[in-house]
Amino acid sequence: MQVWIVAILILYFVQVVIAPTMRYTAGGRKTVWIAMGNRDNPPEMSPLAARFDRAGVNLQEALFLFLPLALLAEMQGAAALALQGAMVFVIARVIYVPAYIAGIPGLRSAVWMVGHVGIIMIGFAIFRVG
C-alpha cells in the first residue's frame, strides 16, 4: 500500500508543478520575470496549461478520499482488495491526465469512474476487516 500512496503523491506533485511552469515559461523572459516577482498579474494560461491545472485540481479533490482510506487500510492491515483498489486508483489517475489533456469525449469520465471504483474497493476492504 505504501508504494501506491507514494506514487499518487509523486503524481500530485508533478501535476501541481506542470501548469504553473507552463504558464510562466510560455511567454519567454517576460513571463519568467513575472514568476520571480509577486505575481499580482499572472499571464493567461494556454488551454493546454489550463487542462493540466484542472486535472491537478481534480486529483486534489480525489486525494481527500483516497489518502485517508489508504492510510486506514494500511493501519488495519486490510486485505488484498485494498491493495488492488489503491493500484486501480493510481493507474487510473495516471491515465486520467493524458485523457483529460486529449479532450476525448467520455474517456476522461470513464477513467475517473474507474479511479473511484478503486477508492470504493479500499472502503470495502476496510469495512470487511473492521
N, C-alpha and C. Protein backbone atom coordinates (compact mmCIF):
# COMPACT_ATOMS: atom_id res chain seq x y z
N MET A 1 0.83 -1.19 0.00
CA MET A 1 0.00 0.00 0.00
C MET A 1 0.87 1.26 0.00
N GLN A 2 1.97 1.20 0.72
CA GLN A 2 2.83 2.38 0.83
C GLN A 2 3.35 2.83 -0.53
N VAL A 3 3.64 1.88 -1.40
CA VAL A 3 4.13 2.21 -2.74
C VAL A 3 3.09 3.03 -3.49
N TRP A 4 1.83 2.63 -3.39
CA TRP A 4 0.77 3.33 -4.13
C TRP A 4 0.49 4.70 -3.53
N ILE A 5 0.61 4.82 -2.22
CA ILE A 5 0.44 6.13 -1.59
C ILE A 5 1.55 7.07 -2.05
N VAL A 6 2.78 6.61 -2.05
CA VAL A 6 3.89 7.44 -2.51
C VAL A 6 3.74 7.76 -3.99
N ALA A 7 3.31 6.79 -4.79
CA ALA A 7 3.14 7.01 -6.23
C ALA A 7 2.11 8.11 -6.50
N ILE A 8 1.00 8.11 -5.77
CA ILE A 8 -0.02 9.13 -6.02
C ILE A 8 0.46 10.49 -5.55
N LEU A 9 1.25 10.52 -4.49
CA LEU A 9 1.80 11.80 -4.03
C LEU A 9 2.81 12.36 -5.03
N ILE A 10 3.59 11.50 -5.66
CA ILE A 10 4.51 11.94 -6.71
C ILE A 10 3.73 12.49 -7.90
N LEU A 11 2.68 11.78 -8.30
CA LEU A 11 1.84 12.25 -9.40
C LEU A 11 1.23 13.61 -9.06
N TYR A 12 0.77 13.76 -7.84
CA TYR A 12 0.19 15.04 -7.42
C TYR A 12 1.23 16.16 -7.50
N PHE A 13 2.42 15.89 -7.01
CA PHE A 13 3.49 16.90 -7.07
C PHE A 13 3.77 17.30 -8.52
N VAL A 14 3.87 16.32 -9.40
CA VAL A 14 4.14 16.61 -10.82
C VAL A 14 3.02 17.46 -11.40
N GLN A 15 1.77 17.09 -11.10
CA GLN A 15 0.65 17.84 -11.65
C GLN A 15 0.59 19.26 -11.09
N VAL A 16 0.95 19.44 -9.85
CA VAL A 16 0.94 20.78 -9.25
C VAL A 16 1.99 21.67 -9.90
N VAL A 17 3.08 21.10 -10.34
CA VAL A 17 4.19 21.87 -10.91
C VAL A 17 3.99 22.17 -12.39
N ILE A 18 3.33 21.30 -13.13
CA ILE A 18 3.25 21.44 -14.59
C ILE A 18 2.51 22.71 -15.03
N ALA A 19 1.32 22.95 -14.53
CA ALA A 19 0.52 24.08 -15.01
C ALA A 19 1.20 25.43 -14.77
N PRO A 20 1.68 25.70 -13.54
CA PRO A 20 2.37 26.99 -13.36
C PRO A 20 3.64 27.10 -14.19
N THR A 21 4.34 26.00 -14.35
CA THR A 21 5.55 26.02 -15.17
C THR A 21 5.20 26.39 -16.60
N MET A 22 4.13 25.81 -17.12
CA MET A 22 3.69 26.13 -18.48
C MET A 22 3.24 27.59 -18.57
N ARG A 23 2.55 28.06 -17.54
CA ARG A 23 2.05 29.44 -17.54
C ARG A 23 3.19 30.44 -17.58
N TYR A 24 4.22 30.20 -16.78
CA TYR A 24 5.28 31.20 -16.63
C TYR A 24 6.48 31.00 -17.55
N THR A 25 6.50 29.94 -18.32
CA THR A 25 7.62 29.78 -19.25
C THR A 25 7.19 29.94 -20.70
N ALA A 26 5.90 29.93 -20.97
CA ALA A 26 5.41 30.01 -22.35
C ALA A 26 5.70 31.36 -22.99
N GLY A 27 5.74 32.41 -22.20
CA GLY A 27 5.93 33.75 -22.75
C GLY A 27 7.37 34.22 -22.78
N GLY A 28 8.30 33.33 -22.53
CA GLY A 28 9.70 33.71 -22.58
C GLY A 28 10.15 34.49 -21.35
N ARG A 29 11.11 35.37 -21.55
CA ARG A 29 11.71 36.11 -20.42
C ARG A 29 10.68 36.94 -19.67
N LYS A 30 9.74 37.53 -20.37
CA LYS A 30 8.76 38.40 -19.71
C LYS A 30 7.96 37.64 -18.66
N THR A 31 7.44 36.47 -19.00
CA THR A 31 6.64 35.73 -18.03
C THR A 31 7.49 35.08 -16.95
N VAL A 32 8.72 34.72 -17.28
CA VAL A 32 9.61 34.18 -16.26
C VAL A 32 9.91 35.28 -15.24
N TRP A 33 10.09 36.50 -15.72
CA TRP A 33 10.34 37.63 -14.82
C TRP A 33 9.13 37.87 -13.92
N ILE A 34 7.93 37.74 -14.46
CA ILE A 34 6.70 37.88 -13.66
C ILE A 34 6.67 36.81 -12.58
N ALA A 35 7.08 35.58 -12.92
CA ALA A 35 7.08 34.48 -11.95
C ALA A 35 8.02 34.74 -10.79
N MET A 36 9.09 35.49 -11.03
CA MET A 36 10.05 35.77 -9.97
C MET A 36 9.58 36.91 -9.07
N GLY A 37 8.53 37.60 -9.46
CA GLY A 37 8.00 38.69 -8.66
C GLY A 37 6.86 38.21 -7.76
N ASN A 38 5.96 39.13 -7.43
CA ASN A 38 4.86 38.80 -6.53
C ASN A 38 3.66 38.19 -7.24
N ARG A 39 3.68 38.14 -8.54
CA ARG A 39 2.66 37.51 -9.38
C ARG A 39 1.26 38.08 -9.16
N ASP A 40 1.17 39.39 -8.97
CA ASP A 40 -0.14 40.02 -8.82
C ASP A 40 -0.96 39.94 -10.10
N ASN A 41 -0.30 39.99 -11.24
CA ASN A 41 -0.99 39.93 -12.53
C ASN A 41 -0.41 38.78 -13.36
N PRO A 42 -0.80 37.54 -13.05
CA PRO A 42 -0.22 36.41 -13.78
C PRO A 42 -0.67 36.41 -15.24
N PRO A 43 0.18 35.89 -16.12
CA PRO A 43 -0.21 35.79 -17.53
C PRO A 43 -1.33 34.76 -17.70
N GLU A 44 -2.04 34.90 -18.78
CA GLU A 44 -3.10 33.94 -19.11
C GLU A 44 -2.50 32.55 -19.29
N MET A 45 -3.28 31.55 -18.92
CA MET A 45 -2.86 30.16 -19.17
C MET A 45 -3.29 29.78 -20.58
N SER A 46 -2.45 29.01 -21.22
CA SER A 46 -2.85 28.44 -22.50
C SER A 46 -3.94 27.39 -22.23
N PRO A 47 -4.73 27.02 -23.23
CA PRO A 47 -5.73 25.98 -23.00
C PRO A 47 -5.12 24.67 -22.48
N LEU A 48 -3.92 24.33 -22.97
CA LEU A 48 -3.26 23.11 -22.51
C LEU A 48 -2.87 23.22 -21.04
N ALA A 49 -2.29 24.36 -20.65
CA ALA A 49 -1.92 24.56 -19.25
C ALA A 49 -3.15 24.56 -18.37
N ALA A 50 -4.25 25.13 -18.85
CA ALA A 50 -5.49 25.16 -18.07
C ALA A 50 -6.03 23.74 -17.87
N ARG A 51 -5.88 22.88 -18.87
CA ARG A 51 -6.31 21.49 -18.71
C ARG A 51 -5.45 20.77 -17.67
N PHE A 52 -4.14 20.99 -17.72
CA PHE A 52 -3.27 20.41 -16.70
C PHE A 52 -3.67 20.90 -15.31
N ASP A 53 -3.99 22.18 -15.22
CA ASP A 53 -4.39 22.75 -13.94
C ASP A 53 -5.68 22.11 -13.44
N ARG A 54 -6.67 21.97 -14.30
CA ARG A 54 -7.94 21.36 -13.88
C ARG A 54 -7.77 19.90 -13.51
N ALA A 55 -6.91 19.18 -14.23
CA ALA A 55 -6.63 17.78 -13.88
C ALA A 55 -5.98 17.70 -12.50
N GLY A 56 -5.10 18.65 -12.20
CA GLY A 56 -4.47 18.68 -10.88
C GLY A 56 -5.45 18.99 -9.77
N VAL A 57 -6.36 19.92 -10.02
CA VAL A 57 -7.40 20.24 -9.02
C VAL A 57 -8.28 19.02 -8.80
N ASN A 58 -8.59 18.31 -9.87
CA ASN A 58 -9.42 17.11 -9.73
C ASN A 58 -8.71 16.05 -8.91
N LEU A 59 -7.41 15.89 -9.09
CA LEU A 59 -6.66 14.93 -8.28
C LEU A 59 -6.66 15.36 -6.82
N GLN A 60 -6.51 16.65 -6.58
CA GLN A 60 -6.54 17.15 -5.21
C GLN A 60 -7.87 16.79 -4.54
N GLU A 61 -8.97 16.92 -5.27
CA GLU A 61 -10.27 16.57 -4.73
C GLU A 61 -10.37 15.07 -4.45
N ALA A 62 -9.79 14.26 -5.31
CA ALA A 62 -9.83 12.80 -5.12
C ALA A 62 -8.93 12.35 -3.97
N LEU A 63 -7.83 13.06 -3.75
CA LEU A 63 -6.93 12.70 -2.66
C LEU A 63 -7.61 12.82 -1.31
N PHE A 64 -8.58 13.70 -1.22
CA PHE A 64 -9.35 13.87 0.01
C PHE A 64 -10.04 12.56 0.41
N LEU A 65 -10.39 11.74 -0.56
CA LEU A 65 -10.99 10.43 -0.29
C LEU A 65 -9.93 9.33 -0.20
N PHE A 66 -9.01 9.34 -1.15
CA PHE A 66 -8.05 8.25 -1.26
C PHE A 66 -7.10 8.15 -0.07
N LEU A 67 -6.45 9.25 0.27
CA LEU A 67 -5.39 9.17 1.30
C LEU A 67 -5.89 8.69 2.66
N PRO A 68 -6.99 9.23 3.20
CA PRO A 68 -7.44 8.70 4.50
C PRO A 68 -7.80 7.22 4.44
N LEU A 69 -8.47 6.82 3.35
CA LEU A 69 -8.85 5.40 3.24
C LEU A 69 -7.62 4.51 3.08
N ALA A 70 -6.67 4.95 2.27
CA ALA A 70 -5.45 4.15 2.07
C ALA A 70 -4.66 4.03 3.37
N LEU A 71 -4.55 5.12 4.09
CA LEU A 71 -3.82 5.08 5.36
C LEU A 71 -4.54 4.21 6.38
N LEU A 72 -5.85 4.30 6.43
CA LEU A 72 -6.62 3.46 7.35
C LEU A 72 -6.48 1.99 6.98
N ALA A 73 -6.52 1.69 5.70
CA ALA A 73 -6.34 0.31 5.25
C ALA A 73 -4.96 -0.20 5.63
N GLU A 74 -3.96 0.66 5.49
CA GLU A 74 -2.59 0.29 5.87
C GLU A 74 -2.51 0.02 7.36
N MET A 75 -3.12 0.87 8.16
CA MET A 75 -3.07 0.70 9.62
C MET A 75 -3.81 -0.55 10.06
N GLN A 76 -4.91 -0.89 9.39
CA GLN A 76 -5.70 -2.06 9.76
C GLN A 76 -5.14 -3.35 9.19
N GLY A 77 -4.21 -3.24 8.29
CA GLY A 77 -3.71 -4.45 7.63
C GLY A 77 -4.79 -5.04 6.74
N ALA A 78 -5.50 -4.18 6.04
CA ALA A 78 -6.62 -4.62 5.19
C ALA A 78 -6.14 -5.60 4.12
N ALA A 79 -7.09 -6.32 3.59
CA ALA A 79 -6.83 -7.42 2.66
C ALA A 79 -6.29 -6.93 1.31
N ALA A 80 -6.06 -7.91 0.46
CA ALA A 80 -5.55 -7.64 -0.88
C ALA A 80 -6.48 -6.74 -1.67
N LEU A 81 -7.76 -6.73 -1.35
CA LEU A 81 -8.72 -5.88 -2.06
C LEU A 81 -8.34 -4.41 -1.92
N ALA A 82 -7.86 -4.00 -0.76
CA ALA A 82 -7.44 -2.61 -0.55
C ALA A 82 -6.21 -2.29 -1.41
N LEU A 83 -5.29 -3.21 -1.46
CA LEU A 83 -4.09 -3.01 -2.27
C LEU A 83 -4.45 -2.93 -3.75
N GLN A 84 -5.34 -3.79 -4.19
CA GLN A 84 -5.79 -3.75 -5.58
C GLN A 84 -6.54 -2.45 -5.88
N GLY A 85 -7.35 -2.00 -4.92
CA GLY A 85 -8.07 -0.75 -5.09
C GLY A 85 -7.13 0.43 -5.23
N ALA A 86 -6.08 0.44 -4.41
CA ALA A 86 -5.09 1.52 -4.49
C ALA A 86 -4.38 1.48 -5.84
N MET A 87 -4.06 0.29 -6.30
CA MET A 87 -3.41 0.15 -7.60
C MET A 87 -4.32 0.64 -8.72
N VAL A 88 -5.59 0.26 -8.67
CA VAL A 88 -6.56 0.71 -9.68
C VAL A 88 -6.66 2.23 -9.68
N PHE A 89 -6.74 2.82 -8.48
CA PHE A 89 -6.86 4.27 -8.37
C PHE A 89 -5.65 4.97 -8.97
N VAL A 90 -4.46 4.55 -8.59
CA VAL A 90 -3.24 5.23 -9.06
C VAL A 90 -3.08 5.07 -10.57
N ILE A 91 -3.27 3.89 -11.08
CA ILE A 91 -3.13 3.67 -12.53
C ILE A 91 -4.18 4.49 -13.28
N ALA A 92 -5.40 4.52 -12.77
CA ALA A 92 -6.45 5.31 -13.42
C ALA A 92 -6.09 6.79 -13.41
N ARG A 93 -5.52 7.27 -12.31
CA ARG A 93 -5.16 8.68 -12.24
C ARG A 93 -4.01 9.01 -13.18
N VAL A 94 -3.09 8.08 -13.38
CA VAL A 94 -2.00 8.30 -14.34
C VAL A 94 -2.58 8.37 -15.76
N ILE A 95 -3.55 7.53 -16.06
CA ILE A 95 -4.20 7.55 -17.38
C ILE A 95 -5.10 8.77 -17.52
N TYR A 96 -5.66 9.23 -16.42
CA TYR A 96 -6.60 10.36 -16.43
C TYR A 96 -5.96 11.63 -17.00
N VAL A 97 -4.70 11.89 -16.66
CA VAL A 97 -4.05 13.12 -17.11
C VAL A 97 -4.01 13.20 -18.63
N PRO A 98 -3.45 12.22 -19.35
CA PRO A 98 -3.47 12.35 -20.82
C PRO A 98 -4.90 12.28 -21.39
N ALA A 99 -5.79 11.56 -20.71
CA ALA A 99 -7.18 11.52 -21.19
C ALA A 99 -7.82 12.90 -21.09
N TYR A 100 -7.53 13.61 -20.02
CA TYR A 100 -8.06 14.97 -19.85
C TYR A 100 -7.42 15.92 -20.86
N ILE A 101 -6.12 15.80 -21.03
CA ILE A 101 -5.40 16.68 -21.95
C ILE A 101 -5.88 16.46 -23.39
N ALA A 102 -6.12 15.22 -23.76
CA ALA A 102 -6.56 14.90 -25.12
C ALA A 102 -7.96 15.40 -25.40
N GLY A 103 -8.79 15.51 -24.37
CA GLY A 103 -10.14 16.03 -24.55
C GLY A 103 -11.07 15.11 -25.32
N ILE A 104 -10.83 13.81 -25.26
CA ILE A 104 -11.69 12.85 -25.96
C ILE A 104 -12.98 12.70 -25.15
N PRO A 105 -14.12 13.03 -25.76
CA PRO A 105 -15.39 12.97 -25.01
C PRO A 105 -15.65 11.58 -24.43
N GLY A 106 -16.00 11.55 -23.17
CA GLY A 106 -16.34 10.31 -22.49
C GLY A 106 -15.16 9.58 -21.87
N LEU A 107 -13.98 9.68 -22.46
CA LEU A 107 -12.83 8.93 -21.97
C LEU A 107 -12.41 9.41 -20.58
N ARG A 108 -12.31 10.72 -20.41
CA ARG A 108 -11.91 11.28 -19.11
C ARG A 108 -12.88 10.83 -18.02
N SER A 109 -14.17 10.89 -18.31
CA SER A 109 -15.17 10.49 -17.31
C SER A 109 -15.09 9.01 -17.00
N ALA A 110 -14.86 8.19 -18.01
CA ALA A 110 -14.75 6.75 -17.79
C ALA A 110 -13.54 6.42 -16.92
N VAL A 111 -12.42 7.06 -17.20
CA VAL A 111 -11.21 6.81 -16.41
C VAL A 111 -11.42 7.32 -14.97
N TRP A 112 -12.08 8.45 -14.82
CA TRP A 112 -12.40 8.99 -13.49
C TRP A 112 -13.22 7.97 -12.69
N MET A 113 -14.22 7.37 -13.36
CA MET A 113 -15.06 6.38 -12.68
C MET A 113 -14.25 5.16 -12.25
N VAL A 114 -13.35 4.70 -13.10
CA VAL A 114 -12.51 3.56 -12.75
C VAL A 114 -11.67 3.89 -11.51
N GLY A 115 -11.12 5.09 -11.46
CA GLY A 115 -10.34 5.50 -10.30
C GLY A 115 -11.18 5.48 -9.03
N HIS A 116 -12.40 5.93 -9.12
CA HIS A 116 -13.25 5.94 -7.93
C HIS A 116 -13.74 4.54 -7.55
N VAL A 117 -13.78 3.64 -8.51
CA VAL A 117 -14.05 2.23 -8.17
C VAL A 117 -12.92 1.72 -7.28
N GLY A 118 -11.69 2.14 -7.56
CA GLY A 118 -10.55 1.77 -6.72
C GLY A 118 -10.73 2.27 -5.29
N ILE A 119 -11.22 3.49 -5.14
CA ILE A 119 -11.48 4.03 -3.80
C ILE A 119 -12.55 3.21 -3.10
N ILE A 120 -13.59 2.84 -3.82
CA ILE A 120 -14.67 2.02 -3.24
C ILE A 120 -14.13 0.66 -2.82
N MET A 121 -13.22 0.10 -3.60
CA MET A 121 -12.61 -1.19 -3.25
C MET A 121 -11.86 -1.08 -1.92
N ILE A 122 -11.14 0.02 -1.73
CA ILE A 122 -10.43 0.22 -0.47
C ILE A 122 -11.42 0.32 0.68
N GLY A 123 -12.51 1.06 0.47
CA GLY A 123 -13.54 1.18 1.50
C GLY A 123 -14.13 -0.15 1.89
N PHE A 124 -14.45 -0.98 0.89
CA PHE A 124 -14.99 -2.32 1.19
C PHE A 124 -13.99 -3.14 1.99
N ALA A 125 -12.72 -3.07 1.61
CA ALA A 125 -11.70 -3.84 2.33
C ALA A 125 -11.60 -3.40 3.78
N ILE A 126 -11.70 -2.11 4.04
CA ILE A 126 -11.62 -1.59 5.40
C ILE A 126 -12.80 -2.08 6.24
N PHE A 127 -13.99 -1.99 5.67
CA PHE A 127 -15.18 -2.38 6.44
C PHE A 127 -15.27 -3.90 6.62
N ARG A 128 -14.67 -4.64 5.71
CA ARG A 128 -14.64 -6.09 5.85
C ARG A 128 -13.72 -6.51 6.99
N VAL A 129 -12.62 -5.77 7.17
CA VAL A 129 -11.66 -6.06 8.24
C VAL A 129 -12.21 -5.61 9.59
N GLY A 130 -12.78 -4.38 9.61
CA GLY A 130 -13.22 -3.77 10.85
C GLY A 130 -14.43 -4.31 11.40
